[in-house]
Amino acid sequence: MTRTALEGFGKSLLASDEVVIEVTGNCMAVSRVLSPFVKRVVIANPLQVKAIAHAHVKTDKIDAGTLANLYAAGYLPEVWMPDAVTERNRRLNARRYQLVRHRTRVKNEVHAILVKVNSLSPASSRLSATARDFRRHLRMNALRRVSTSPRVAA
């Protein structure tokens, strides 16, 4: 469902309505879109909703009815939703983790190239000033030949 369609659905709801959705990959985004239109958006943990997990007939319509009944009875296990600041910090931390992993892959690739041309730096750290100076004076023909090969490490 597109954001526009979701907003259209939200506009059809009353401000006093409460919406229950199951955890999915995009439930946070759906919750953010629907929140301005309704009183409350509740996100249910499907692993703890035993009535749905053990139903004989599983359709979206039946699941929605079961979720509504459990919520109305006060038995719906909810998922904690982070506030905007916490969610932003989580995204930043996840992005930092990706960048650190990428940096490590690049450092390992440079190290593999240097091993392949028998030009390891005498410095203990591959990124120290001594190691950078050492790499500046390497024969670039050998490095180019190795770095353009399909597989760096054999």
Protein backbone atom coordinates (compact mmCIF):
# COMPACT_ATOMS: atom_id res chain seq x y z
CA MET A 1 0.00 0.00 0.00
CA THR A 2 1.36 3.43 -0.89
CA ARG A 3 1.68 6.30 1.55
CA THR A 4 -1.05 8.21 -0.30
CA ALA A 5 -3.44 5.25 -0.06
CA LEU A 6 -2.60 4.84 3.62
CA GLU A 7 -3.26 8.53 4.26
CA GLY A 8 -6.56 8.18 2.40
CA PHE A 9 -7.46 5.27 4.67
CA GLY A 10 -6.45 7.36 7.70
CA LYS A 11 -8.74 10.20 6.61
CA SER A 12 -11.66 7.78 6.48
CA LEU A 13 -11.17 6.96 10.18
CA LEU A 14 -12.58 8.92 13.11
CA ALA A 15 -10.34 10.78 15.54
CA SER A 16 -11.73 8.56 18.32
CA ASP A 17 -10.81 5.33 16.52
CA GLU A 18 -8.03 3.04 17.69
CA VAL A 19 -6.07 1.01 15.13
CA VAL A 20 -4.43 -2.36 15.80
CA ILE A 21 -1.74 -3.68 13.46
CA GLU A 22 0.61 -6.65 13.65
CA VAL A 23 4.37 -6.30 13.66
CA THR A 24 5.72 -6.31 10.12
CA GLY A 25 8.79 -4.87 8.47
CA ASN A 26 7.04 -1.57 7.84
CA CYS A 27 4.73 -1.33 10.86
CA MET A 28 6.65 1.67 12.25
CA ALA A 29 6.08 3.60 9.02
CA VAL A 30 2.40 2.61 8.93
CA SER A 31 2.03 3.67 12.55
CA ARG A 32 3.62 7.08 11.85
CA VAL A 33 1.28 7.69 8.90
CA LEU A 34 -1.90 6.66 10.73
CA SER A 35 -1.15 8.27 14.12
CA PRO A 36 -2.33 11.81 13.22
CA PHE A 37 -5.75 10.50 12.15
CA VAL A 38 -6.68 8.30 15.12
CA LYS A 39 -6.67 8.32 18.90
CA ARG A 40 -4.12 5.50 19.18
CA VAL A 41 -2.20 3.01 17.04
CA VAL A 42 -1.46 -0.28 18.80
CA ILE A 43 1.11 -2.70 17.45
CA ALA A 44 0.48 -6.32 18.40
CA ASN A 45 3.17 -8.94 18.83
CA PRO A 46 2.08 -11.82 16.56
CA LEU A 47 4.30 -14.33 18.37
CA GLN A 48 2.35 -13.75 21.56
CA VAL A 49 -1.07 -13.69 19.97
CA LYS A 50 -1.77 -17.38 20.41
CA ALA A 51 -5.36 -17.12 19.18
CA ILE A 52 -4.15 -16.13 15.73
CA ALA A 53 -1.19 -18.50 15.63
CA HIS A 54 -3.40 -21.51 16.39
CA ALA A 55 -6.46 -20.60 14.33
CA HIS A 56 -7.78 -23.28 12.00
CA VAL A 57 -8.76 -20.79 9.32
CA LYS A 58 -6.30 -17.95 8.74
CA THR A 59 -7.34 -15.04 6.58
CA ASP A 60 -6.62 -11.35 6.97
CA LYS A 61 -10.28 -10.67 7.72
CA ILE A 62 -10.44 -13.32 10.46
CA ASP A 63 -7.08 -12.19 11.91
CA ALA A 64 -8.28 -8.57 11.99
CA GLY A 65 -11.45 -9.61 13.83
CA THR A 66 -9.44 -11.65 16.33
CA LEU A 67 -7.05 -8.73 16.94
CA ALA A 68 -10.00 -6.38 17.47
CA ASN A 69 -11.66 -8.78 19.91
CA LEU A 70 -8.44 -9.33 21.88
CA TYR A 71 -7.82 -5.57 22.05
CA ALA A 72 -11.39 -4.85 23.16
CA ALA A 73 -11.09 -7.48 25.89
CA GLY A 74 -7.73 -6.08 27.04
CA TYR A 75 -5.81 -9.26 26.16
CA LEU A 76 -3.76 -8.02 23.22
CA PRO A 77 0.02 -8.24 23.83
CA GLU A 78 1.42 -4.92 22.63
CA VAL A 79 4.88 -4.11 21.35
CA TRP A 80 6.70 -1.18 22.91
CA MET A 81 7.12 1.65 20.41
CA PRO A 82 10.16 3.94 20.72
CA ASP A 83 9.70 7.68 20.70
CA ALA A 84 11.03 9.74 17.78
CA VAL A 85 14.40 10.46 19.45
CA THR A 86 15.03 6.81 20.31
CA GLU A 87 14.03 5.69 16.82
CA ARG A 88 16.37 8.28 15.26
CA ASN A 89 19.24 7.15 17.51
CA ARG A 90 18.62 3.53 16.54
CA ARG A 91 18.76 4.43 12.84
CA LEU A 92 21.98 6.41 13.39
CA ASN A 93 23.57 3.53 15.30
CA ALA A 94 22.56 1.06 12.59
CA ARG A 95 24.07 3.32 9.92
CA ARG A 96 27.28 3.74 11.93
CA TYR A 97 27.51 -0.04 12.25
CA GLN A 98 27.19 -0.38 8.45
CA LEU A 99 29.91 2.22 7.89
CA VAL A 100 32.30 0.58 10.35
CA ARG A 101 31.76 -2.80 8.63
CA HIS A 102 32.39 -1.22 5.24
CA ARG A 103 35.56 0.48 6.49
CA THR A 104 36.80 -2.86 7.84
CA ARG A 105 36.12 -4.56 4.49
CA VAL A 106 38.09 -1.85 2.65
CA LYS A 107 41.00 -2.07 5.11
CA ASN A 108 41.07 -5.85 4.69
CA GLU A 109 41.02 -5.49 0.91
CA VAL A 110 43.99 -3.10 1.01
CA HIS A 111 45.81 -5.52 3.29
CA ALA A 112 45.08 -8.41 0.90
CA ILE A 113 46.49 -6.42 -2.03
CA LEU A 114 49.63 -5.63 -0.09
CA VAL A 115 50.07 -9.28 0.87
CA LYS A 116 49.59 -10.31 -2.75
CA VAL A 117 52.42 -8.03 -3.95
CA ASN A 118 54.61 -8.86 -0.93
CA SER A 119 54.59 -5.26 0.25
CA LEU A 120 53.39 -5.35 3.81
CA SER A 121 54.14 -2.24 5.80
CA PRO A 122 56.62 -2.49 8.65
CA ALA A 123 54.22 -0.38 10.74
CA SER A 124 52.00 -2.16 13.24
CA SER A 125 48.87 -0.27 12.16
CA ARG A 126 47.79 -0.36 8.52
CA LEU A 127 46.43 3.19 8.76
CA SER A 128 49.29 4.86 10.65
CA ALA A 129 51.33 7.67 9.11
CA THR A 130 54.29 5.30 8.66
CA ALA A 131 52.13 2.79 6.80
CA ARG A 132 50.67 5.51 4.57
CA ASP A 133 54.16 6.80 3.71
CA PHE A 134 55.26 3.24 2.95
CA ARG A 135 52.32 2.71 0.58
CA ARG A 136 53.03 5.99 -1.22
CA HIS A 137 56.43 4.68 -2.31
CA LEU A 138 55.24 1.29 -3.55
CA ARG A 139 55.48 0.46 -7.20
CA MET A 140 52.04 1.39 -8.45
CA ASN A 141 52.17 -0.95 -11.46
CA ALA A 142 52.01 -4.02 -9.23
CA LEU A 143 49.26 -2.53 -7.08
CA ARG A 144 47.17 -1.56 -10.10
CA ARG A 145 47.59 -5.01 -11.64
CA VAL A 146 46.45 -6.74 -8.45
CA SER A 147 43.67 -4.29 -7.57
CA THR A 148 42.06 -4.63 -11.00
CA SER A 149 41.95 -8.43 -10.84
CA PRO A 150 38.49 -9.90 -10.20
CA ARG A 151 39.57 -11.60 -6.97
CA VAL A 152 42.05 -9.87 -4.68
CA ALA A 153 42.69 -12.68 -2.23
CA ALA A 154 43.46 -16.09 -3.65
